[in-house]
Full PDB file with SEQRES, HELIX, SHEET, SSBOND, CRYST1, ORIGX, SCALE, CONECT and MASTER records, all heavy atoms in Angstrom:
SEQRES   1 A   31  ALA THR GLY VAL PRO VAL ALA GLY TRP GLY LEU ALA TRP          
SEQRES   2 A   31  GLY LEU THR ALA LEU LEU LEU ALA LEU VAL ALA LEU ILE          
SEQRES   3 A   31  SER SER VAL ARG ARG                                          
HELIX    1 AA1 VAL A    6  ARG A   30  1                                  25    
CRYST1    1.000    1.000    1.000  90.00  90.00  90.00 P 1           1          
ORIGX1      1.000000  0.000000  0.000000        0.00000                         
ORIGX2      0.000000  1.000000  0.000000        0.00000                         
ORIGX3      0.000000  0.000000  1.000000        0.00000                         
SCALE1      1.000000  0.000000  0.000000        0.00000                         
SCALE2      0.000000  1.000000  0.000000        0.00000                         
SCALE3      0.000000  0.000000  1.000000        0.00000                         
ATOM      1  N   ALA A   1     -11.645 -18.235  24.636  1.00  0.00           N  
ATOM      2  CA  ALA A   1     -10.874 -17.636  25.647  1.00  0.00           C  
ATOM      3  C   ALA A   1     -11.071 -16.155  25.797  1.00  0.00           C  
ATOM      4  O   ALA A   1     -10.983 -15.586  26.882  1.00  0.00           O  
ATOM      5  CB  ALA A   1      -9.353 -17.944  25.377  1.00  0.00           C  
ATOM      6  N   THR A   2     -11.336 -15.475  24.641  1.00  0.00           N  
ATOM      7  CA  THR A   2     -11.360 -14.002  24.742  1.00  0.00           C  
ATOM      8  C   THR A   2     -12.773 -13.399  24.435  1.00  0.00           C  
ATOM      9  O   THR A   2     -12.959 -12.193  24.679  1.00  0.00           O  
ATOM     10  CB  THR A   2     -10.424 -13.492  23.585  1.00  0.00           C  
ATOM     11  OG1 THR A   2     -10.931 -13.803  22.298  1.00  0.00           O  
ATOM     12  CG2 THR A   2      -9.048 -14.062  23.757  1.00  0.00           C  
ATOM     13  N   GLY A   3     -13.701 -14.314  23.973  1.00  0.00           N  
ATOM     14  CA  GLY A   3     -15.004 -13.706  23.706  1.00  0.00           C  
ATOM     15  C   GLY A   3     -15.126 -13.077  22.356  1.00  0.00           C  
ATOM     16  O   GLY A   3     -16.241 -12.649  21.926  1.00  0.00           O  
ATOM     17  N   VAL A   4     -13.972 -12.981  21.580  1.00  0.00           N  
ATOM     18  CA  VAL A   4     -13.963 -12.390  20.244  1.00  0.00           C  
ATOM     19  C   VAL A   4     -13.387 -13.361  19.262  1.00  0.00           C  
ATOM     20  O   VAL A   4     -12.314 -13.893  19.540  1.00  0.00           O  
ATOM     21  CB  VAL A   4     -13.133 -11.074  20.296  1.00  0.00           C  
ATOM     22  CG1 VAL A   4     -13.025 -10.403  18.957  1.00  0.00           C  
ATOM     23  CG2 VAL A   4     -13.737 -10.083  21.325  1.00  0.00           C  
ATOM     24  N   PRO A   5     -14.025 -13.513  18.098  1.00  0.00           N  
ATOM     25  CA  PRO A   5     -13.490 -14.410  17.043  1.00  0.00           C  
ATOM     26  C   PRO A   5     -12.263 -13.755  16.454  1.00  0.00           C  
ATOM     27  O   PRO A   5     -11.956 -12.619  16.573  1.00  0.00           O  
ATOM     28  CB  PRO A   5     -14.584 -14.595  16.055  1.00  0.00           C  
ATOM     29  CG  PRO A   5     -15.406 -13.366  16.193  1.00  0.00           C  
ATOM     30  CD  PRO A   5     -15.330 -12.952  17.692  1.00  0.00           C  
ATOM     31  N   VAL A   6     -11.485 -14.585  15.748  1.00  0.00           N  
ATOM     32  CA  VAL A   6     -10.288 -14.091  15.036  1.00  0.00           C  
ATOM     33  C   VAL A   6     -10.500 -12.870  14.170  1.00  0.00           C  
ATOM     34  O   VAL A   6      -9.782 -11.963  14.169  1.00  0.00           O  
ATOM     35  CB  VAL A   6      -9.650 -15.273  14.289  1.00  0.00           C  
ATOM     36  CG1 VAL A   6      -8.396 -14.741  13.438  1.00  0.00           C  
ATOM     37  CG2 VAL A   6      -9.188 -16.332  15.205  1.00  0.00           C  
ATOM     38  N   ALA A   7     -11.608 -12.933  13.422  1.00  0.00           N  
ATOM     39  CA  ALA A   7     -11.928 -11.824  12.521  1.00  0.00           C  
ATOM     40  C   ALA A   7     -12.170 -10.483  13.397  1.00  0.00           C  
ATOM     41  O   ALA A   7     -11.796  -9.466  12.970  1.00  0.00           O  
ATOM     42  CB  ALA A   7     -13.194 -12.080  11.655  1.00  0.00           C  
ATOM     43  N   GLY A   8     -12.764 -10.684  14.593  1.00  0.00           N  
ATOM     44  CA  GLY A   8     -12.920  -9.524  15.417  1.00  0.00           C  
ATOM     45  C   GLY A   8     -11.588  -8.966  15.931  1.00  0.00           C  
ATOM     46  O   GLY A   8     -11.496  -7.796  16.102  1.00  0.00           O  
ATOM     47  N   TRP A   9     -10.614  -9.882  16.183  1.00  0.00           N  
ATOM     48  CA  TRP A   9      -9.285  -9.399  16.624  1.00  0.00           C  
ATOM     49  C   TRP A   9      -8.621  -8.616  15.399  1.00  0.00           C  
ATOM     50  O   TRP A   9      -7.913  -7.593  15.679  1.00  0.00           O  
ATOM     51  CB  TRP A   9      -8.474 -10.602  16.997  1.00  0.00           C  
ATOM     52  CG  TRP A   9      -8.696 -11.027  18.370  1.00  0.00           C  
ATOM     53  CD1 TRP A   9      -9.382 -12.129  18.725  1.00  0.00           C  
ATOM     54  CD2 TRP A   9      -8.360 -10.382  19.610  1.00  0.00           C  
ATOM     55  NE1 TRP A   9      -9.497 -12.269  20.094  1.00  0.00           N  
ATOM     56  CE2 TRP A   9      -8.852 -11.172  20.716  1.00  0.00           C  
ATOM     57  CE3 TRP A   9      -7.633  -9.201  19.871  1.00  0.00           C  
ATOM     58  CZ2 TRP A   9      -8.693 -10.878  22.021  1.00  0.00           C  
ATOM     59  CZ3 TRP A   9      -7.477  -8.808  21.274  1.00  0.00           C  
ATOM     60  CH2 TRP A   9      -7.954  -9.700  22.260  1.00  0.00           C  
ATOM     61  N   GLY A  10      -8.856  -9.055  14.226  1.00  0.00           N  
ATOM     62  CA  GLY A  10      -8.365  -8.256  13.015  1.00  0.00           C  
ATOM     63  C   GLY A  10      -9.011  -6.914  12.953  1.00  0.00           C  
ATOM     64  O   GLY A  10      -8.307  -5.908  12.694  1.00  0.00           O  
ATOM     65  N   LEU A  11     -10.291  -6.827  13.224  1.00  0.00           N  
ATOM     66  CA  LEU A  11     -11.002  -5.544  13.255  1.00  0.00           C  
ATOM     67  C   LEU A  11     -10.413  -4.646  14.346  1.00  0.00           C  
ATOM     68  O   LEU A  11     -10.219  -3.474  14.124  1.00  0.00           O  
ATOM     69  CB  LEU A  11     -12.517  -5.763  13.393  1.00  0.00           C  
ATOM     70  CG  LEU A  11     -13.347  -4.466  13.408  1.00  0.00           C  
ATOM     71  CD1 LEU A  11     -13.117  -3.557  12.253  1.00  0.00           C  
ATOM     72  CD2 LEU A  11     -14.859  -4.904  13.565  1.00  0.00           C  
ATOM     73  N   ALA A  12     -10.219  -5.270  15.541  1.00  0.00           N  
ATOM     74  CA  ALA A  12      -9.695  -4.409  16.672  1.00  0.00           C  
ATOM     75  C   ALA A  12      -8.257  -3.950  16.369  1.00  0.00           C  
ATOM     76  O   ALA A  12      -7.966  -2.762  16.592  1.00  0.00           O  
ATOM     77  CB  ALA A  12      -9.558  -5.342  17.975  1.00  0.00           C  
ATOM     78  N   TRP A  13      -7.428  -4.758  15.690  1.00  0.00           N  
ATOM     79  CA  TRP A  13      -6.098  -4.196  15.342  1.00  0.00           C  
ATOM     80  C   TRP A  13      -6.233  -3.169  14.249  1.00  0.00           C  
ATOM     81  O   TRP A  13      -5.528  -2.122  14.304  1.00  0.00           O  
ATOM     82  CB  TRP A  13      -5.214  -5.366  14.756  1.00  0.00           C  
ATOM     83  CG  TRP A  13      -3.848  -4.910  14.359  1.00  0.00           C  
ATOM     84  CD1 TRP A  13      -2.765  -4.786  15.193  1.00  0.00           C  
ATOM     85  CD2 TRP A  13      -3.441  -4.393  13.121  1.00  0.00           C  
ATOM     86  NE1 TRP A  13      -1.663  -4.329  14.427  1.00  0.00           N  
ATOM     87  CE2 TRP A  13      -2.101  -3.942  13.157  1.00  0.00           C  
ATOM     88  CE3 TRP A  13      -4.080  -4.178  11.885  1.00  0.00           C  
ATOM     89  CZ2 TRP A  13      -1.387  -3.405  12.063  1.00  0.00           C  
ATOM     90  CZ3 TRP A  13      -3.386  -3.623  10.830  1.00  0.00           C  
ATOM     91  CH2 TRP A  13      -2.061  -3.287  10.936  1.00  0.00           C  
ATOM     92  N   GLY A  14      -7.105  -3.309  13.273  1.00  0.00           N  
ATOM     93  CA  GLY A  14      -7.355  -2.353  12.281  1.00  0.00           C  
ATOM     94  C   GLY A  14      -7.786  -1.001  12.796  1.00  0.00           C  
ATOM     95  O   GLY A  14      -7.301   0.069  12.411  1.00  0.00           O  
ATOM     96  N   LEU A  15      -8.631  -0.976  13.781  1.00  0.00           N  
ATOM     97  CA  LEU A  15      -9.120   0.220  14.380  1.00  0.00           C  
ATOM     98  C   LEU A  15      -8.043   0.853  15.232  1.00  0.00           C  
ATOM     99  O   LEU A  15      -7.855   2.089  15.183  1.00  0.00           O  
ATOM    100  CB  LEU A  15     -10.356  -0.103  15.246  1.00  0.00           C  
ATOM    101  CG  LEU A  15     -11.663  -0.434  14.571  1.00  0.00           C  
ATOM    102  CD1 LEU A  15     -12.716  -0.778  15.608  1.00  0.00           C  
ATOM    103  CD2 LEU A  15     -12.117   0.635  13.611  1.00  0.00           C  
ATOM    104  N   THR A  16      -7.226   0.045  15.892  1.00  0.00           N  
ATOM    105  CA  THR A  16      -6.159   0.612  16.668  1.00  0.00           C  
ATOM    106  C   THR A  16      -5.104   1.262  15.748  1.00  0.00           C  
ATOM    107  O   THR A  16      -4.670   2.458  16.001  1.00  0.00           O  
ATOM    108  CB  THR A  16      -5.392  -0.556  17.441  1.00  0.00           C  
ATOM    109  OG1 THR A  16      -6.362  -1.156  18.362  1.00  0.00           O  
ATOM    110  CG2 THR A  16      -4.152  -0.022  18.202  1.00  0.00           C  
ATOM    111  N   ALA A  17      -4.687   0.583  14.749  1.00  0.00           N  
ATOM    112  CA  ALA A  17      -3.731   1.132  13.758  1.00  0.00           C  
ATOM    113  C   ALA A  17      -4.288   2.322  13.028  1.00  0.00           C  
ATOM    114  O   ALA A  17      -3.495   3.314  12.783  1.00  0.00           O  
ATOM    115  CB  ALA A  17      -3.304   0.124  12.717  1.00  0.00           C  
ATOM    116  N   LEU A  18      -5.585   2.356  12.734  1.00  0.00           N  
ATOM    117  CA  LEU A  18      -6.158   3.482  12.083  1.00  0.00           C  
ATOM    118  C   LEU A  18      -6.235   4.745  12.920  1.00  0.00           C  
ATOM    119  O   LEU A  18      -5.769   5.815  12.477  1.00  0.00           O  
ATOM    120  CB  LEU A  18      -7.630   3.150  11.679  1.00  0.00           C  
ATOM    121  CG  LEU A  18      -8.408   4.296  11.098  1.00  0.00           C  
ATOM    122  CD1 LEU A  18      -7.874   4.788   9.831  1.00  0.00           C  
ATOM    123  CD2 LEU A  18      -9.913   3.798  10.907  1.00  0.00           C  
ATOM    124  N   LEU A  19      -6.588   4.538  14.205  1.00  0.00           N  
ATOM    125  CA  LEU A  19      -6.591   5.733  15.141  1.00  0.00           C  
ATOM    126  C   LEU A  19      -5.178   6.282  15.338  1.00  0.00           C  
ATOM    127  O   LEU A  19      -4.998   7.538  15.302  1.00  0.00           O  
ATOM    128  CB  LEU A  19      -7.188   5.277  16.512  1.00  0.00           C  
ATOM    129  CG  LEU A  19      -7.288   6.392  17.616  1.00  0.00           C  
ATOM    130  CD1 LEU A  19      -8.112   7.539  17.099  1.00  0.00           C  
ATOM    131  CD2 LEU A  19      -7.799   5.799  18.858  1.00  0.00           C  
ATOM    132  N   LEU A  20      -4.163   5.369  15.552  1.00  0.00           N  
ATOM    133  CA  LEU A  20      -2.799   5.907  15.764  1.00  0.00           C  
ATOM    134  C   LEU A  20      -2.344   6.626  14.527  1.00  0.00           C  
ATOM    135  O   LEU A  20      -1.712   7.738  14.600  1.00  0.00           O  
ATOM    136  CB  LEU A  20      -1.900   4.698  16.081  1.00  0.00           C  
ATOM    137  CG  LEU A  20      -2.177   4.039  17.418  1.00  0.00           C  
ATOM    138  CD1 LEU A  20      -1.304   2.803  17.525  1.00  0.00           C  
ATOM    139  CD2 LEU A  20      -1.889   5.011  18.573  1.00  0.00           C  
ATOM    140  N   ALA A  21      -2.549   6.043  13.385  1.00  0.00           N  
ATOM    141  CA  ALA A  21      -2.037   6.639  12.095  1.00  0.00           C  
ATOM    142  C   ALA A  21      -2.778   7.967  11.817  1.00  0.00           C  
ATOM    143  O   ALA A  21      -2.137   8.952  11.382  1.00  0.00           O  
ATOM    144  CB  ALA A  21      -2.178   5.683  10.898  1.00  0.00           C  
ATOM    145  N   LEU A  22      -4.040   8.031  12.121  1.00  0.00           N  
ATOM    146  CA  LEU A  22      -4.788   9.198  11.866  1.00  0.00           C  
ATOM    147  C   LEU A  22      -4.350  10.399  12.813  1.00  0.00           C  
ATOM    148  O   LEU A  22      -4.139  11.513  12.250  1.00  0.00           O  
ATOM    149  CB  LEU A  22      -6.248   8.977  12.037  1.00  0.00           C  
ATOM    150  CG  LEU A  22      -7.196  10.026  11.645  1.00  0.00           C  
ATOM    151  CD1 LEU A  22      -7.070  10.346  10.142  1.00  0.00           C  
ATOM    152  CD2 LEU A  22      -8.679   9.652  11.883  1.00  0.00           C  
ATOM    153  N   VAL A  23      -4.185  10.068  14.066  1.00  0.00           N  
ATOM    154  CA  VAL A  23      -3.664  11.130  15.028  1.00  0.00           C  
ATOM    155  C   VAL A  23      -2.257  11.564  14.550  1.00  0.00           C  
ATOM    156  O   VAL A  23      -1.882  12.735  14.637  1.00  0.00           O  
ATOM    157  CB  VAL A  23      -3.679  10.532  16.444  1.00  0.00           C  
ATOM    158  CG1 VAL A  23      -2.949  11.508  17.378  1.00  0.00           C  
ATOM    159  CG2 VAL A  23      -5.079  10.303  16.880  1.00  0.00           C  
ATOM    160  N   ALA A  24      -1.357  10.635  14.157  1.00  0.00           N  
ATOM    161  CA  ALA A  24      -0.011  11.028  13.785  1.00  0.00           C  
ATOM    162  C   ALA A  24      -0.071  11.836  12.482  1.00  0.00           C  
ATOM    163  O   ALA A  24       0.734  12.816  12.354  1.00  0.00           O  
ATOM    164  CB  ALA A  24       0.757   9.732  13.503  1.00  0.00           C  
ATOM    165  N   LEU A  25      -0.976  11.587  11.528  1.00  0.00           N  
ATOM    166  CA  LEU A  25      -1.043  12.332  10.419  1.00  0.00           C  
ATOM    167  C   LEU A  25      -1.488  13.771  10.673  1.00  0.00           C  
ATOM    168  O   LEU A  25      -0.968  14.737  10.128  1.00  0.00           O  
ATOM    169  CB  LEU A  25      -2.035  11.618   9.327  1.00  0.00           C  
ATOM    170  CG  LEU A  25      -2.345  12.443   8.061  1.00  0.00           C  
ATOM    171  CD1 LEU A  25      -1.030  12.639   7.284  1.00  0.00           C  
ATOM    172  CD2 LEU A  25      -3.425  11.663   7.310  1.00  0.00           C  
ATOM    173  N   ILE A  26      -2.541  13.839  11.463  1.00  0.00           N  
ATOM    174  CA  ILE A  26      -3.027  15.173  11.852  1.00  0.00           C  
ATOM    175  C   ILE A  26      -1.995  16.005  12.532  1.00  0.00           C  
ATOM    176  O   ILE A  26      -1.750  17.195  12.261  1.00  0.00           O  
ATOM    177  CB  ILE A  26      -4.293  15.077  12.738  1.00  0.00           C  
ATOM    178  CG1 ILE A  26      -5.414  14.429  11.881  1.00  0.00           C  
ATOM    179  CG2 ILE A  26      -4.729  16.434  13.210  1.00  0.00           C  
ATOM    180  CD1 ILE A  26      -6.627  14.174  12.697  1.00  0.00           C  
ATOM    181  N   SER A  27      -1.271  15.367  13.461  1.00  0.00           N  
ATOM    182  CA  SER A  27      -0.254  16.085  14.238  1.00  0.00           C  
ATOM    183  C   SER A  27       0.940  16.540  13.280  1.00  0.00           C  
ATOM    184  O   SER A  27       1.572  17.595  13.434  1.00  0.00           O  
ATOM    185  CB  SER A  27       0.315  15.196  15.334  1.00  0.00           C  
ATOM    186  OG  SER A  27       1.026  14.106  14.865  1.00  0.00           O  
ATOM    187  N   SER A  28       1.204  15.756  12.254  1.00  0.00           N  
ATOM    188  CA  SER A  28       2.271  16.124  11.362  1.00  0.00           C  
ATOM    189  C   SER A  28       1.923  17.209  10.493  1.00  0.00           C  
ATOM    190  O   SER A  28       2.711  18.107  10.288  1.00  0.00           O  
ATOM    191  CB  SER A  28       2.610  14.802  10.427  1.00  0.00           C  
ATOM    192  OG  SER A  28       3.630  15.125   9.548  1.00  0.00           O  
ATOM    193  N   VAL A  29       0.679  17.217   9.998  1.00  0.00           N  
ATOM    194  CA  VAL A  29       0.149  18.390   9.219  1.00  0.00           C  
ATOM    195  C   VAL A  29       0.123  19.624   9.959  1.00  0.00           C  
ATOM    196  O   VAL A  29       0.482  20.751   9.507  1.00  0.00           O  
ATOM    197  CB  VAL A  29      -1.259  17.957   8.614  1.00  0.00           C  
ATOM    198  CG1 VAL A  29      -1.831  19.205   7.868  1.00  0.00           C  
ATOM    199  CG2 VAL A  29      -1.148  16.835   7.612  1.00  0.00           C  
ATOM    200  N   ARG A  30      -0.253  19.601  11.204  1.00  0.00           N  
ATOM    201  CA  ARG A  30      -0.389  20.697  12.082  1.00  0.00           C  
ATOM    202  C   ARG A  30       0.926  21.124  12.777  1.00  0.00           C  
ATOM    203  O   ARG A  30       0.934  22.161  13.491  1.00  0.00           O  
ATOM    204  CB  ARG A  30      -1.503  20.540  13.106  1.00  0.00           C  
ATOM    205  CG  ARG A  30      -2.927  20.333  12.548  1.00  0.00           C  
ATOM    206  CD  ARG A  30      -3.941  20.158  13.687  1.00  0.00           C  
ATOM    207  NE  ARG A  30      -5.253  20.172  13.154  1.00  0.00           N  
ATOM    208  CZ  ARG A  30      -6.391  20.033  13.865  1.00  0.00           C  
ATOM    209  NH1 ARG A  30      -6.220  19.925  15.192  1.00  0.00           N  
ATOM    210  NH2 ARG A  30      -7.510  20.034  13.325  1.00  0.00           N  
ATOM    211  N   ARG A  31       1.911  20.358  12.608  1.00  0.00           N  
ATOM    212  CA  ARG A  31       3.265  20.584  13.276  1.00  0.00           C  
ATOM    213  C   ARG A  31       3.138  20.607  14.737  1.00  0.00           C  
ATOM    214  O   ARG A  31       3.810  21.355  15.425  1.00  0.00           O  
ATOM    215  CB  ARG A  31       3.833  21.948  12.689  1.00  0.00           C  
ATOM    216  CG  ARG A  31       4.166  22.019  11.206  1.00  0.00           C  
ATOM    217  CD  ARG A  31       5.265  21.014  10.888  1.00  0.00           C  
ATOM    218  NE  ARG A  31       5.519  20.980   9.501  1.00  0.00           N  
ATOM    219  CZ  ARG A  31       4.941  20.159   8.642  1.00  0.00           C  
ATOM    220  NH1 ARG A  31       4.165  19.244   9.031  1.00  0.00           N  
ATOM    221  NH2 ARG A  31       5.339  20.152   7.400  1.00  0.00           N  
TER     222      ARG A  31                                                      
MASTER        0    0    0    1    0    0    0    6  221    1    0    3          
END                                                                             
């Protein structure tokens, strides 16, 4: 249905969460 296997969806979520957390961390450190 999606063209991406379940493991690929896990990778997509991991990259999404990583980018959001990384930007939030940098913004917190820089105030």
